[in-house]
Protein backbone atom coordinates (compact mmCIF):
# COMPACT_ATOMS: atom_id res chain seq x y z
CA ARG A 1 51.07 137.70 78.33
CA GLU A 2 51.13 141.43 77.71
CA SER A 3 51.15 140.97 73.88
CA VAL A 4 48.22 138.54 74.30
CA ARG A 5 46.02 141.11 76.31
CA PHE A 6 47.35 143.81 73.83
CA ALA A 7 46.19 141.64 70.72
CA GLU A 8 42.72 141.03 72.69
CA GLN A 9 42.30 144.88 73.27
CA HIS A 10 42.65 145.83 69.53
CA GLY A 11 40.29 142.79 68.20
CA TRP A 12 43.32 141.12 66.80
CA VAL A 13 42.50 137.43 68.40
CA VAL A 14 41.24 134.84 65.89
CA GLU A 15 39.00 132.14 67.60
CA THR A 16 39.62 128.69 66.20
CA THR A 17 38.17 125.17 66.30
CA PRO A 18 39.85 121.92 65.92
CA MET A 19 40.18 120.66 62.58
CA SER A 20 37.96 117.63 61.55
CA ILE A 21 39.51 114.09 61.20
CA LYS A 22 39.13 114.62 57.65
CA THR A 23 40.87 117.80 57.24
CA CYS A 24 43.50 116.59 59.64
CA GLN A 25 44.24 113.73 57.05
CA GLU A 26 44.14 116.43 54.30
CA TYR A 27 46.57 118.18 56.23
CA MET A 28 48.92 115.27 56.69
CA LEU A 29 49.09 114.48 52.97
CA LEU A 30 49.76 117.81 52.15
CA ARG A 31 52.75 118.15 54.64
CA LEU A 32 54.21 114.84 53.99
CA GLY A 33 53.85 115.28 50.07
CA LEU A 34 51.56 112.51 49.46
CA THR A 35 48.82 112.69 46.71
CA MET A 36 46.85 109.48 47.82
CA PRO A 37 45.10 108.77 51.24
CA LYS A 38 45.93 104.91 50.71
CA ASN A 39 49.60 105.92 51.28
CA LEU A 40 48.99 107.35 54.67
CA PRO A 41 48.70 104.42 57.14
CA LYS A 42 45.52 104.60 59.51
CA VAL A 43 47.66 103.93 62.32
CA LEU A 44 49.53 107.16 61.79
CA GLN A 45 46.67 108.91 61.08
CA ASN A 46 45.18 108.08 64.34
CA TYR A 47 48.39 108.63 66.22
CA VAL A 48 48.83 111.95 64.73
CA ALA A 49 45.16 112.98 65.22
CA ALA A 50 45.04 111.83 69.05
CA LEU A 51 47.88 113.61 69.97
CA ALA A 52 47.20 117.04 67.72
CA GLU A 53 43.62 117.45 68.78
CA GLY A 54 42.96 119.03 65.45
CA ASN A 55 45.81 121.70 65.91
CA PRO A 56 47.40 122.07 62.49
CA CYS A 57 50.87 123.22 64.24
CA TYR A 58 50.76 120.18 66.31
CA ILE A 59 50.35 117.98 63.25
CA ARG A 60 53.24 119.75 61.45
CA GLU A 61 55.60 119.38 64.81
CA ILE A 62 54.46 115.71 65.46
CA LEU A 63 55.41 114.78 61.54
CA ASP A 64 58.48 116.55 61.55
CA GLU A 65 59.71 114.96 64.85
CA LEU A 66 58.65 111.43 63.46
CA LYS A 67 60.62 111.93 60.55
CA ASN A 68 63.54 113.38 62.44
CA VAL A 69 63.61 110.35 64.99
CA GLY A 70 63.16 108.07 61.96
CA ALA A 71 59.72 106.46 63.15
CA ILE A 72 58.57 107.23 59.52
CA GLU A 73 60.01 107.55 56.20
CA ILE A 74 58.76 109.06 53.10
CA ILE A 75 59.56 106.82 50.25
CA GLY A 76 58.93 106.32 46.39
CA THR A 77 56.74 104.03 44.70
CA ALA A 78 56.63 102.24 41.51
CA ASP A 79 54.03 104.40 40.05
CA LYS A 80 55.90 107.57 40.90
CA SER A 81 53.81 108.51 43.94
CA ARG A 82 55.14 108.45 47.60
CA ARG A 83 53.84 106.65 50.66
CA VAL A 84 54.85 106.68 54.38
CA GLU A 85 56.65 103.70 55.82
CA LEU A 86 56.51 103.16 59.62
CA ARG A 87 59.50 102.04 61.50
CA SER A 88 58.85 98.36 62.99
CA ARG A 89 60.36 96.98 65.98
CA GLU A 90 62.34 94.53 63.71
CA HIS A 91 64.48 97.23 62.70
CA LYS A 92 67.50 97.40 64.77
CA ASP A 93 69.16 100.74 63.58
CA GLY A 94 68.65 102.94 66.65
CA LYS A 95 65.55 104.61 65.25
CA GLN A 96 62.26 104.77 67.16
CA THR A 97 59.03 103.29 66.59
CA LEU A 98 55.67 104.93 67.23
CA GLU A 99 55.53 102.73 70.37
CA GLU A 100 58.74 104.17 71.54
CA ILE A 101 58.21 107.96 71.16
CA ASN A 102 58.40 109.89 74.01
CA ILE A 103 56.94 113.52 73.26
CA ALA A 104 58.11 114.92 76.44
CA SER A 105 61.67 114.53 75.11
CA TRP A 106 60.92 116.61 72.19
CA VAL A 107 62.98 119.97 72.41
CA HIS A 108 61.44 121.76 69.31
CA THR A 109 57.81 121.63 69.98
CA SER A 110 55.01 123.86 71.45
CA MET A 111 52.95 120.74 72.48
CA VAL A 112 54.77 120.23 75.87
CA GLY A 113 55.75 123.15 78.43
């Protein structure tokens, strides 16, 4: 808290506003190494946008964690692009689906206290 007060006293605080849905989508494409919006499932876009509330740090954390637990996978396509594949409930390999994610269990995040 002292460091925040110090930054405020010296005018080093930057006020920000949440990113728009479109900007969130563009950031997700960039973070995942995708070139085409059609390769980013709408359900994932909505999921991340709802959790992140326009915060780019949260978007990064969410995508990283979803990859870590196997809920999403980035795969190559025949046309040399990449796309996101969502883990479905039919997979019985111990990896989580979006519906099974419990963000309160995430260790490396600034989203939950």
